Amino acid sequence: MPYRLEISTTSNELTLLREGVETRTFPVAAGHADQPRYGRFAYGLFTYSEVLNEFGGSHCCILMASADITALTELLPLGTPVVIS
């Protein structure tokens, strides 16, 4: 897989790597249960993560600007690895 996403819960950044080289960084935020969800895309992460369960009170949602997630959706294939730390 040529791409990989790394999400830092301390810096609130998502980093896009291609062939192991950082190519772009996006700001992210933790979602909350009372926050409405807008936008056309969502990445489903079907796994358990103790880190994500505690990320800013999130209910397993990481929010991005619509333009940013649209750019990633157009670029990344299904199955792109995501690492949350």
N, C-alpha and C. Protein backbone atom coordinates (compact mmCIF):
# COMPACT_ATOMS: atom_id res chain seq x y z
N MET A 1 0.85 -1.17 0.00
CA MET A 1 0.00 0.00 0.00
C MET A 1 0.90 1.24 0.00
N PRO A 2 0.79 2.09 -1.00
CA PRO A 2 1.71 3.23 -1.07
C PRO A 2 1.41 4.34 -0.07
N TYR A 3 0.15 4.43 0.40
CA TYR A 3 -0.23 5.51 1.29
C TYR A 3 -0.45 5.01 2.71
N ARG A 4 -0.34 5.96 3.65
CA ARG A 4 -0.60 5.68 5.06
C ARG A 4 -1.03 7.00 5.71
N LEU A 5 -1.98 6.93 6.63
CA LEU A 5 -2.40 8.09 7.40
C LEU A 5 -1.97 7.91 8.84
N GLU A 6 -1.42 8.95 9.43
CA GLU A 6 -1.06 8.94 10.84
C GLU A 6 -1.76 10.11 11.51
N ILE A 7 -2.50 9.80 12.58
CA ILE A 7 -3.25 10.82 13.30
C ILE A 7 -2.65 10.96 14.69
N SER A 8 -2.26 12.18 15.02
CA SER A 8 -1.71 12.47 16.35
C SER A 8 -2.81 13.10 17.21
N THR A 9 -3.11 12.45 18.34
CA THR A 9 -4.11 13.00 19.25
C THR A 9 -3.53 14.10 20.13
N THR A 10 -2.21 14.25 20.14
CA THR A 10 -1.60 15.32 20.94
C THR A 10 -1.46 16.61 20.13
N SER A 11 -1.14 16.49 18.85
CA SER A 11 -0.99 17.69 18.03
C SER A 11 -2.23 17.99 17.20
N ASN A 12 -3.23 17.09 17.24
CA ASN A 12 -4.45 17.24 16.44
C ASN A 12 -4.13 17.44 14.95
N GLU A 13 -3.28 16.54 14.45
CA GLU A 13 -2.90 16.59 13.04
C GLU A 13 -3.01 15.21 12.41
N LEU A 14 -3.39 15.21 11.16
CA LEU A 14 -3.39 14.00 10.34
C LEU A 14 -2.29 14.19 9.31
N THR A 15 -1.39 13.22 9.23
CA THR A 15 -0.28 13.30 8.29
C THR A 15 -0.48 12.25 7.21
N LEU A 16 -0.36 12.67 5.96
CA LEU A 16 -0.43 11.78 4.82
C LEU A 16 0.99 11.42 4.41
N LEU A 17 1.26 10.12 4.34
CA LEU A 17 2.56 9.65 3.89
C LEU A 17 2.39 8.84 2.61
N ARG A 18 3.32 9.02 1.69
CA ARG A 18 3.36 8.22 0.47
C ARG A 18 4.74 7.60 0.38
N GLU A 19 4.75 6.27 0.32
CA GLU A 19 6.02 5.53 0.31
C GLU A 19 6.89 5.92 1.50
N GLY A 20 6.24 6.18 2.66
CA GLY A 20 6.96 6.50 3.88
C GLY A 20 7.41 7.93 4.01
N VAL A 21 7.11 8.78 3.02
CA VAL A 21 7.54 10.18 3.04
C VAL A 21 6.33 11.07 3.32
N GLU A 22 6.46 11.97 4.30
CA GLU A 22 5.38 12.90 4.63
C GLU A 22 5.12 13.81 3.44
N THR A 23 3.87 13.84 2.98
CA THR A 23 3.54 14.68 1.83
C THR A 23 2.61 15.84 2.17
N ARG A 24 1.83 15.68 3.24
CA ARG A 24 0.90 16.75 3.60
C ARG A 24 0.39 16.51 5.02
N THR A 25 0.07 17.61 5.70
CA THR A 25 -0.48 17.54 7.05
C THR A 25 -1.78 18.34 7.09
N PHE A 26 -2.77 17.77 7.79
CA PHE A 26 -4.09 18.41 7.91
C PHE A 26 -4.44 18.59 9.38
N PRO A 27 -5.11 19.69 9.74
CA PRO A 27 -5.61 19.82 11.10
C PRO A 27 -6.83 18.93 11.30
N VAL A 28 -6.98 18.35 12.49
CA VAL A 28 -8.15 17.54 12.83
C VAL A 28 -8.62 17.93 14.22
N ALA A 29 -9.84 17.51 14.54
CA ALA A 29 -10.39 17.75 15.88
C ALA A 29 -11.22 16.55 16.27
N ALA A 30 -11.41 16.37 17.56
CA ALA A 30 -12.25 15.30 18.06
C ALA A 30 -13.71 15.69 17.91
N GLY A 31 -14.53 14.73 17.48
CA GLY A 31 -15.96 14.96 17.39
C GLY A 31 -16.61 14.71 18.74
N HIS A 32 -17.79 15.25 18.93
CA HIS A 32 -18.54 15.06 20.17
C HIS A 32 -19.96 14.63 19.84
N ALA A 33 -20.60 13.95 20.76
CA ALA A 33 -21.93 13.40 20.54
C ALA A 33 -22.96 14.48 20.18
N ASP A 34 -22.81 15.68 20.73
CA ASP A 34 -23.79 16.74 20.49
C ASP A 34 -23.46 17.59 19.27
N GLN A 35 -22.41 17.24 18.54
CA GLN A 35 -22.00 17.99 17.37
C GLN A 35 -22.66 17.43 16.12
N PRO A 36 -23.28 18.27 15.31
CA PRO A 36 -23.84 17.76 14.07
C PRO A 36 -22.73 17.36 13.10
N ARG A 37 -23.00 16.39 12.26
CA ARG A 37 -22.03 15.94 11.26
C ARG A 37 -22.45 16.45 9.89
N TYR A 38 -21.57 17.16 9.23
CA TYR A 38 -21.85 17.68 7.90
C TYR A 38 -20.79 17.15 6.96
N GLY A 39 -21.12 17.09 5.71
CA GLY A 39 -20.13 16.71 4.71
C GLY A 39 -20.54 15.47 3.95
N ARG A 40 -19.76 15.19 2.91
CA ARG A 40 -20.09 14.10 2.00
C ARG A 40 -19.38 12.80 2.33
N PHE A 41 -18.31 12.84 3.11
CA PHE A 41 -17.48 11.65 3.30
C PHE A 41 -17.23 11.36 4.77
N ALA A 42 -16.99 10.10 5.03
CA ALA A 42 -16.53 9.65 6.34
C ALA A 42 -15.68 8.41 6.13
N TYR A 43 -14.56 8.33 6.82
CA TYR A 43 -13.75 7.12 6.79
C TYR A 43 -14.17 6.25 7.96
N GLY A 44 -14.59 5.07 7.67
CA GLY A 44 -14.96 4.14 8.73
C GLY A 44 -13.74 3.37 9.20
N LEU A 45 -13.47 3.42 10.47
CA LEU A 45 -12.36 2.68 11.06
C LEU A 45 -12.95 1.58 11.92
N PHE A 46 -12.98 0.39 11.41
CA PHE A 46 -13.65 -0.71 12.09
C PHE A 46 -12.66 -1.52 12.91
N THR A 47 -12.24 -0.93 14.01
CA THR A 47 -11.32 -1.58 14.92
C THR A 47 -11.45 -0.92 16.29
N TYR A 48 -10.88 -1.51 17.28
CA TYR A 48 -10.91 -0.95 18.63
C TYR A 48 -9.63 -0.17 18.89
N SER A 49 -9.76 0.98 19.51
CA SER A 49 -8.60 1.79 19.86
C SER A 49 -8.82 2.45 21.20
N GLU A 50 -8.00 2.11 22.20
CA GLU A 50 -8.08 2.80 23.49
C GLU A 50 -7.73 4.27 23.34
N VAL A 51 -6.82 4.60 22.42
CA VAL A 51 -6.41 5.98 22.22
C VAL A 51 -7.58 6.80 21.67
N LEU A 52 -8.23 6.30 20.64
CA LEU A 52 -9.31 7.06 20.02
C LEU A 52 -10.51 7.18 20.94
N ASN A 53 -10.79 6.17 21.73
CA ASN A 53 -11.93 6.25 22.65
C ASN A 53 -11.77 7.38 23.65
N GLU A 54 -10.56 7.81 23.89
CA GLU A 54 -10.30 8.87 24.87
C GLU A 54 -9.91 10.18 24.22
N PHE A 55 -9.95 10.29 22.92
CA PHE A 55 -9.49 11.46 22.19
C PHE A 55 -10.47 12.61 22.34
N GLY A 56 -10.18 13.52 23.26
CA GLY A 56 -10.97 14.73 23.42
C GLY A 56 -12.44 14.50 23.72
N GLY A 57 -12.79 13.40 24.37
CA GLY A 57 -14.19 13.10 24.63
C GLY A 57 -14.93 12.61 23.40
N SER A 58 -14.19 12.26 22.37
CA SER A 58 -14.79 11.85 21.11
C SER A 58 -15.54 10.55 21.24
N HIS A 59 -16.54 10.40 20.41
CA HIS A 59 -17.23 9.13 20.25
C HIS A 59 -16.72 8.50 18.97
N CYS A 60 -15.40 8.39 18.90
CA CYS A 60 -14.70 7.76 17.77
C CYS A 60 -14.85 8.53 16.47
N CYS A 61 -14.95 9.85 16.54
CA CYS A 61 -15.02 10.68 15.35
C CYS A 61 -13.83 11.63 15.34
N ILE A 62 -13.22 11.74 14.19
CA ILE A 62 -12.17 12.73 13.99
C ILE A 62 -12.67 13.64 12.88
N LEU A 63 -12.78 14.92 13.16
CA LEU A 63 -13.35 15.87 12.22
C LEU A 63 -12.26 16.53 11.39
N MET A 64 -12.58 16.76 10.11
CA MET A 64 -11.68 17.44 9.19
C MET A 64 -12.48 18.45 8.40
N ALA A 65 -11.80 19.44 7.84
CA ALA A 65 -12.44 20.38 6.92
C ALA A 65 -12.93 19.60 5.70
N SER A 66 -14.05 20.02 5.16
CA SER A 66 -14.63 19.32 4.00
C SER A 66 -13.66 19.23 2.83
N ALA A 67 -12.95 20.30 2.55
CA ALA A 67 -12.00 20.29 1.42
C ALA A 67 -10.88 19.28 1.66
N ASP A 68 -10.45 19.14 2.91
CA ASP A 68 -9.36 18.21 3.23
C ASP A 68 -9.79 16.76 3.07
N ILE A 69 -10.95 16.39 3.62
CA ILE A 69 -11.39 15.01 3.51
C ILE A 69 -11.77 14.68 2.06
N THR A 70 -12.27 15.67 1.33
CA THR A 70 -12.57 15.45 -0.09
C THR A 70 -11.28 15.14 -0.86
N ALA A 71 -10.22 15.89 -0.58
CA ALA A 71 -8.93 15.64 -1.25
C ALA A 71 -8.42 14.24 -0.93
N LEU A 72 -8.53 13.81 0.33
CA LEU A 72 -8.07 12.47 0.70
C LEU A 72 -8.92 11.39 0.05
N THR A 73 -10.22 11.60 0.01
CA THR A 73 -11.13 10.61 -0.57
C THR A 73 -10.84 10.40 -2.05
N GLU A 74 -10.50 11.46 -2.74
CA GLU A 74 -10.19 11.35 -4.17
C GLU A 74 -8.84 10.69 -4.42
N LEU A 75 -7.96 10.71 -3.43
CA LEU A 75 -6.60 10.19 -3.58
C LEU A 75 -6.40 8.77 -3.07
N LEU A 76 -6.98 8.46 -1.91
CA LEU A 76 -6.64 7.23 -1.21
C LEU A 76 -7.52 6.04 -1.60
N PRO A 77 -6.92 4.89 -1.80
CA PRO A 77 -7.71 3.69 -2.06
C PRO A 77 -8.27 3.12 -0.77
N LEU A 78 -9.34 2.32 -0.90
CA LEU A 78 -9.86 1.60 0.26
C LEU A 78 -8.77 0.72 0.83
N GLY A 79 -8.74 0.60 2.14
CA GLY A 79 -7.73 -0.23 2.79
C GLY A 79 -6.47 0.52 3.18
N THR A 80 -6.44 1.83 2.95
CA THR A 80 -5.27 2.62 3.35
C THR A 80 -5.10 2.51 4.87
N PRO A 81 -3.92 2.13 5.34
CA PRO A 81 -3.70 2.02 6.79
C PRO A 81 -3.82 3.38 7.50
N VAL A 82 -4.40 3.34 8.70
CA VAL A 82 -4.54 4.52 9.54
C VAL A 82 -3.98 4.17 10.91
N VAL A 83 -3.03 4.99 11.38
CA VAL A 83 -2.42 4.79 12.69
C VAL A 83 -2.79 5.98 13.55
N ILE A 84 -3.34 5.70 14.73
CA ILE A 84 -3.75 6.75 15.67
C ILE A 84 -2.90 6.63 16.91
N SER A 85 -2.23 7.73 17.26
CA SER A 85 -1.36 7.69 18.45
C SER A 85 -1.52 8.96 19.25
